[in-house]
Amino acid sequence: MIVRYEPSIKVDDGRSIYQTLQDTNNPYCTDIIKTLWSLLDEEEDHQKIVSLLKKFDGLLPRLFSDVVIEELNSKDREVKVSAIKKFTIFWKLTAHDYPQYKPFYD
């Protein structure tokens, strides 16, 4: 069983924040995910970054997957190598959460 995080906070029209984000396909969320993903390439607090990415994956799994897949499928060798490095960091830091957390699952 795969559990996705769905906040219980409601917006004005009674929908949850999760529903609102899904319905609007908020471009700010994509930008935030891309920024967090890019930070894995630097010497930052990887554990905190991965924790935040996991939250976005729980809220917007398709957006999160799209960001990662876009880089992994890049024709640019440097971008692809960087994406593999970031994916490795992400995978190592989420391995202890398996099977409760399964990234890139629909």
Protein backbone atom coordinates (compact mmCIF):
# COMPACT_ATOMS: atom_id res chain seq x y z
CA MET A 1 0.00 0.00 0.00
CA ILE A 2 1.38 3.39 -1.01
CA VAL A 3 0.34 6.34 1.10
CA ARG A 4 0.38 9.87 -0.27
CA TYR A 5 0.27 12.88 2.01
CA GLU A 6 -2.91 14.89 1.74
CA PRO A 7 -3.13 17.92 4.01
CA SER A 8 -6.41 18.44 5.78
CA ILE A 9 -6.18 22.23 5.60
CA LYS A 10 -9.03 23.58 3.49
CA VAL A 11 -8.98 26.57 1.19
CA ASP A 12 -11.89 28.99 0.81
CA ASP A 13 -13.99 26.79 -1.47
CA GLY A 14 -13.67 23.74 0.83
CA ARG A 15 -11.09 21.88 -1.25
CA SER A 16 -7.89 20.71 0.43
CA ILE A 17 -4.59 22.36 -0.44
CA TYR A 18 -3.65 19.10 -2.15
CA GLN A 19 -6.69 19.29 -4.44
CA THR A 20 -6.01 22.95 -5.18
CA LEU A 21 -2.37 22.30 -6.09
CA GLN A 22 -3.35 19.35 -8.28
CA ASP A 23 -6.10 21.30 -10.06
CA THR A 24 -4.12 24.46 -10.72
CA ASN A 25 -0.85 22.79 -11.73
CA ASN A 26 0.89 25.60 -9.85
CA PRO A 27 4.09 26.63 -11.68
CA TYR A 28 5.61 27.83 -8.41
CA CYS A 29 5.59 24.27 -7.13
CA THR A 30 7.52 23.12 -10.19
CA ASP A 31 10.06 25.90 -9.62
CA ILE A 32 10.45 24.96 -5.96
CA ILE A 33 10.93 21.28 -6.81
CA LYS A 34 13.49 22.17 -9.50
CA THR A 35 15.37 24.40 -7.06
CA LEU A 36 15.43 21.75 -4.34
CA TRP A 37 16.48 19.11 -6.86
CA SER A 38 19.33 21.35 -8.10
CA LEU A 39 20.56 21.87 -4.53
CA LEU A 40 21.37 18.16 -4.30
CA ASP A 41 24.21 18.90 -6.71
CA GLU A 42 25.85 21.19 -4.15
CA GLU A 43 27.40 20.60 -0.77
CA GLU A 44 24.31 21.46 1.20
CA ASP A 45 22.27 19.69 3.86
CA HIS A 46 21.19 16.80 1.65
CA GLN A 47 19.06 15.21 4.37
CA LYS A 48 16.90 18.34 4.73
CA ILE A 49 16.61 18.80 0.96
CA VAL A 50 15.54 15.18 0.50
CA SER A 51 13.03 15.55 3.32
CA LEU A 52 11.45 18.52 1.54
CA LEU A 53 11.47 16.71 -1.82
CA LYS A 54 9.68 13.77 -0.21
CA LYS A 55 6.96 16.13 0.99
CA PHE A 56 6.50 17.50 -2.51
CA ASP A 57 6.50 13.96 -3.88
CA GLY A 58 3.68 13.17 -1.46
CA LEU A 59 1.73 16.24 -2.53
CA LEU A 60 2.50 16.35 -6.24
CA PRO A 61 4.08 13.06 -7.31
CA ARG A 62 3.68 13.73 -11.04
CA LEU A 63 5.48 17.09 -10.86
CA PHE A 64 8.29 15.63 -8.81
CA SER A 65 8.75 12.71 -11.21
CA ASP A 66 8.64 15.02 -14.23
CA VAL A 67 11.45 17.20 -12.86
CA VAL A 68 13.70 14.20 -12.16
CA ILE A 69 12.91 12.40 -15.43
CA GLU A 70 13.48 15.56 -17.47
CA GLU A 71 17.06 15.77 -16.24
CA LEU A 72 17.72 12.03 -16.49
CA ASN A 73 16.54 12.09 -20.11
CA SER A 74 18.64 15.11 -21.04
CA LYS A 75 20.77 14.89 -24.20
CA ASP A 76 23.40 17.08 -22.52
CA ARG A 77 26.02 14.80 -20.96
CA GLU A 78 26.80 17.16 -18.06
CA VAL A 79 23.13 17.53 -17.14
CA LYS A 80 22.63 13.76 -17.28
CA VAL A 81 25.70 13.03 -15.12
CA SER A 82 24.54 15.63 -12.61
CA ALA A 83 21.04 14.11 -12.58
CA ILE A 84 22.45 10.65 -11.90
CA LYS A 85 24.53 12.03 -9.03
CA LYS A 86 21.46 13.75 -7.53
CA PHE A 87 19.32 10.67 -8.03
CA THR A 88 21.95 8.57 -6.23
CA ILE A 89 21.95 10.94 -3.27
CA PHE A 90 18.14 10.97 -3.18
CA TRP A 91 17.93 7.18 -3.44
CA LYS A 92 20.50 6.57 -0.67
CA LEU A 93 18.78 8.98 1.70
CA THR A 94 15.32 7.48 1.11
CA ALA A 95 16.34 3.79 1.15
CA HIS A 96 15.66 3.45 4.89
CA ASP A 97 12.04 4.56 4.30
CA TYR A 98 11.29 1.72 1.89
CA PRO A 99 8.67 0.16 1.56
CA GLN A 100 6.56 2.83 3.28
CA TYR A 101 7.91 5.45 0.91
CA LYS A 102 8.17 4.54 -2.76
CA PRO A 103 9.22 7.46 -4.94
CA PHE A 104 8.25 7.52 -8.58
CA TYR A 105 5.28 5.23 -8.01
CA ASP A 106 1.81 6.02 -9.33
